[in-house]
Amino acid sequence: MAQHPSPPVRLIVSDDHVAIRAGLRMALGQAGFEIVGEAATGEETLELLDTTTTDLVITDINKPGGIDGIETTRRIRTRDADLPVIVFSASPEDDVIEEVRAAGASLYISKDAPLAELDAAIRDIVGSQRA
C-alpha cells in the first residue's frame, strides 16, 4: 500500500519586524513549512485565526498596539486549547518566560537560537499532535 505524504505544516508568523517575518518565511518555507499568514500585531494575529487554518502560531512578545505576544498567546489558547503557540522572542528574562508559560505557550525559543532549533520544535510539537 502506498503511503501518502503528510500535508505541510501550516504556520502563522506574528512579529512586528518585517525583516524577521520575511526571514522566517524564507527559512521555514525552504524547510517545507507553509506560511499561511503573517501579522505585525496581536490584533492581526487573532483576525488571521478567524480566516485561516493553521497548525501552529509563532509569535514575538513585543508588538505594537494593545495586545502584546503574551496576551495574544493567552487569547489564542482560550479560543483553541489545542492550537500550539511558540513564542520566538529576544526577551529571555526568567519572569518573561514564566509569563509565556502561564499564558499557555507550548514553548519559548530565543531569537538567538539557531533556526534548526525552531524547525525541530515545530516538527516535534505538530508531529505529536498529528500522531
Protein backbone atom coordinates (compact mmCIF):
# COMPACT_ATOMS: atom_id res chain seq x y z
CA MET A 1 0.00 0.00 0.00
CA ALA A 2 1.40 3.41 -0.97
CA GLN A 3 1.95 5.95 1.77
CA HIS A 4 0.50 9.38 1.27
CA PRO A 5 2.82 12.24 2.14
CA SER A 6 1.84 14.29 5.16
CA PRO A 7 0.38 17.69 4.36
CA PRO A 8 2.78 20.54 5.04
CA VAL A 9 2.67 22.12 8.47
CA ARG A 10 0.77 25.42 8.21
CA LEU A 11 2.14 28.33 10.22
CA ILE A 12 1.17 31.86 11.14
CA VAL A 13 4.15 34.11 11.83
CA SER A 14 3.48 37.13 14.04
CA ASP A 15 6.28 39.65 14.54
CA ASP A 16 6.30 43.43 14.31
CA HIS A 17 9.53 43.44 12.28
CA VAL A 18 9.04 42.92 8.54
CA ALA A 19 12.59 41.58 8.15
CA ILE A 20 12.04 38.90 10.82
CA ARG A 21 8.79 37.79 9.17
CA ALA A 22 10.47 37.70 5.75
CA GLY A 23 13.43 35.74 7.11
CA LEU A 24 11.20 33.22 8.83
CA ARG A 25 9.01 32.90 5.73
CA MET A 26 12.06 32.17 3.60
CA ALA A 27 13.83 29.82 6.02
CA LEU A 28 10.75 27.92 7.14
CA GLY A 29 9.40 27.76 3.59
CA GLN A 30 12.66 26.20 2.42
CA ALA A 31 12.33 23.70 5.28
CA GLY A 32 8.95 22.59 3.88
CA PHE A 33 6.58 24.54 6.09
CA GLU A 34 3.69 26.54 4.63
CA ILE A 35 3.33 30.11 5.90
CA VAL A 36 -0.42 30.70 5.69
CA GLY A 37 -0.43 34.11 7.33
CA GLU A 38 1.71 36.91 8.68
CA ALA A 39 0.83 39.55 11.23
CA ALA A 40 2.56 42.52 12.82
CA THR A 41 0.21 42.96 15.79
CA GLY A 42 -1.68 40.81 18.23
CA GLU A 43 -4.94 42.05 16.77
CA GLU A 44 -3.90 41.00 13.25
CA THR A 45 -2.85 37.60 14.55
CA LEU A 46 -6.25 36.99 16.14
CA GLU A 47 -8.03 38.17 12.98
CA LEU A 48 -5.99 35.69 10.91
CA LEU A 49 -7.21 32.87 13.12
CA ASP A 50 -10.77 33.71 12.07
CA THR A 51 -9.99 33.26 8.37
CA THR A 52 -7.03 30.87 8.18
CA THR A 53 -6.42 27.25 9.05
CA THR A 54 -3.12 26.84 10.83
CA ASP A 55 -1.29 24.13 12.73
CA LEU A 56 0.86 26.44 14.87
CA VAL A 57 1.42 30.12 15.62
CA ILE A 58 4.87 31.66 16.08
CA THR A 59 4.71 34.98 17.88
CA ASP A 60 7.07 37.58 19.30
CA ILE A 61 6.37 39.16 22.68
CA ASN A 62 6.83 42.82 21.75
CA LYS A 63 4.10 44.12 19.47
CA PRO A 64 2.61 47.50 18.66
CA GLY A 65 -1.00 48.09 19.60
CA GLY A 66 -2.85 47.00 22.67
CA ILE A 67 -2.14 43.26 22.63
CA ASP A 68 1.40 42.01 23.23
CA GLY A 69 2.57 38.49 22.42
CA ILE A 70 1.82 37.15 25.88
CA GLU A 71 -1.78 38.35 25.74
CA THR A 72 -2.03 37.16 22.13
CA THR A 73 -0.92 33.71 23.28
CA ARG A 74 -3.44 33.74 26.12
CA ARG A 75 -6.28 34.66 23.73
CA ILE A 76 -5.24 32.05 21.17
CA ARG A 77 -5.20 29.33 23.81
CA THR A 78 -8.59 30.50 25.14
CA ARG A 79 -10.08 30.20 21.65
CA ASP A 80 -8.42 26.88 20.84
CA ALA A 81 -6.73 24.99 23.65
CA ASP A 82 -5.19 22.58 21.13
CA LEU A 83 -3.53 25.17 18.88
CA PRO A 84 0.17 25.31 19.75
CA VAL A 85 1.96 28.62 20.12
CA ILE A 86 5.71 29.09 20.07
CA VAL A 87 6.92 32.38 21.48
CA PHE A 88 10.01 33.37 19.47
CA SER A 89 11.48 36.42 21.12
CA ALA A 90 14.58 38.23 22.33
CA SER A 91 13.31 38.59 25.91
CA PRO A 92 14.96 35.72 27.77
CA GLU A 93 14.37 37.01 31.30
CA ASP A 94 13.09 34.28 33.61
CA ASP A 95 9.99 36.25 34.63
CA VAL A 96 9.03 36.74 30.97
CA ILE A 97 9.49 33.05 30.24
CA GLU A 98 7.26 32.22 33.22
CA GLU A 99 4.59 34.62 31.89
CA VAL A 100 4.83 32.94 28.48
CA ARG A 101 4.29 29.52 30.06
CA ALA A 102 1.42 30.80 32.20
CA ALA A 103 -0.25 32.20 29.07
CA GLY A 104 -0.24 28.69 27.58
CA ALA A 105 2.64 28.80 25.10
CA SER A 106 3.92 25.43 24.02
CA LEU A 107 7.50 26.67 24.05
CA TYR A 108 9.71 29.74 24.30
CA ILE A 109 12.62 29.98 21.86
CA SER A 110 15.11 32.81 21.89
CA LYS A 111 15.75 34.67 18.65
CA ASP A 112 19.42 33.98 19.36
CA ALA A 113 18.84 30.23 18.91
CA PRO A 114 19.76 28.56 15.62
CA LEU A 115 16.83 28.26 13.20
CA ALA A 116 17.32 24.49 13.33
CA GLU A 117 16.03 24.64 16.92
CA LEU A 118 12.83 26.38 15.80
CA ASP A 119 12.44 23.91 12.91
CA ALA A 120 12.84 20.92 15.24
CA ALA A 121 10.43 22.38 17.80
CA ILE A 122 7.73 22.94 15.17
CA ARG A 123 8.12 19.38 13.86
CA ASP A 124 8.05 17.89 17.37
CA ILE A 125 5.01 19.85 18.52
CA VAL A 126 2.91 19.36 15.39
CA GLY A 127 4.13 15.80 14.92
CA SER A 128 2.93 14.84 18.39
CA GLN A 129 -0.47 16.35 17.62
CA ARG A 130 -0.80 14.56 14.30
CA ALA A 131 0.24 11.18 15.74
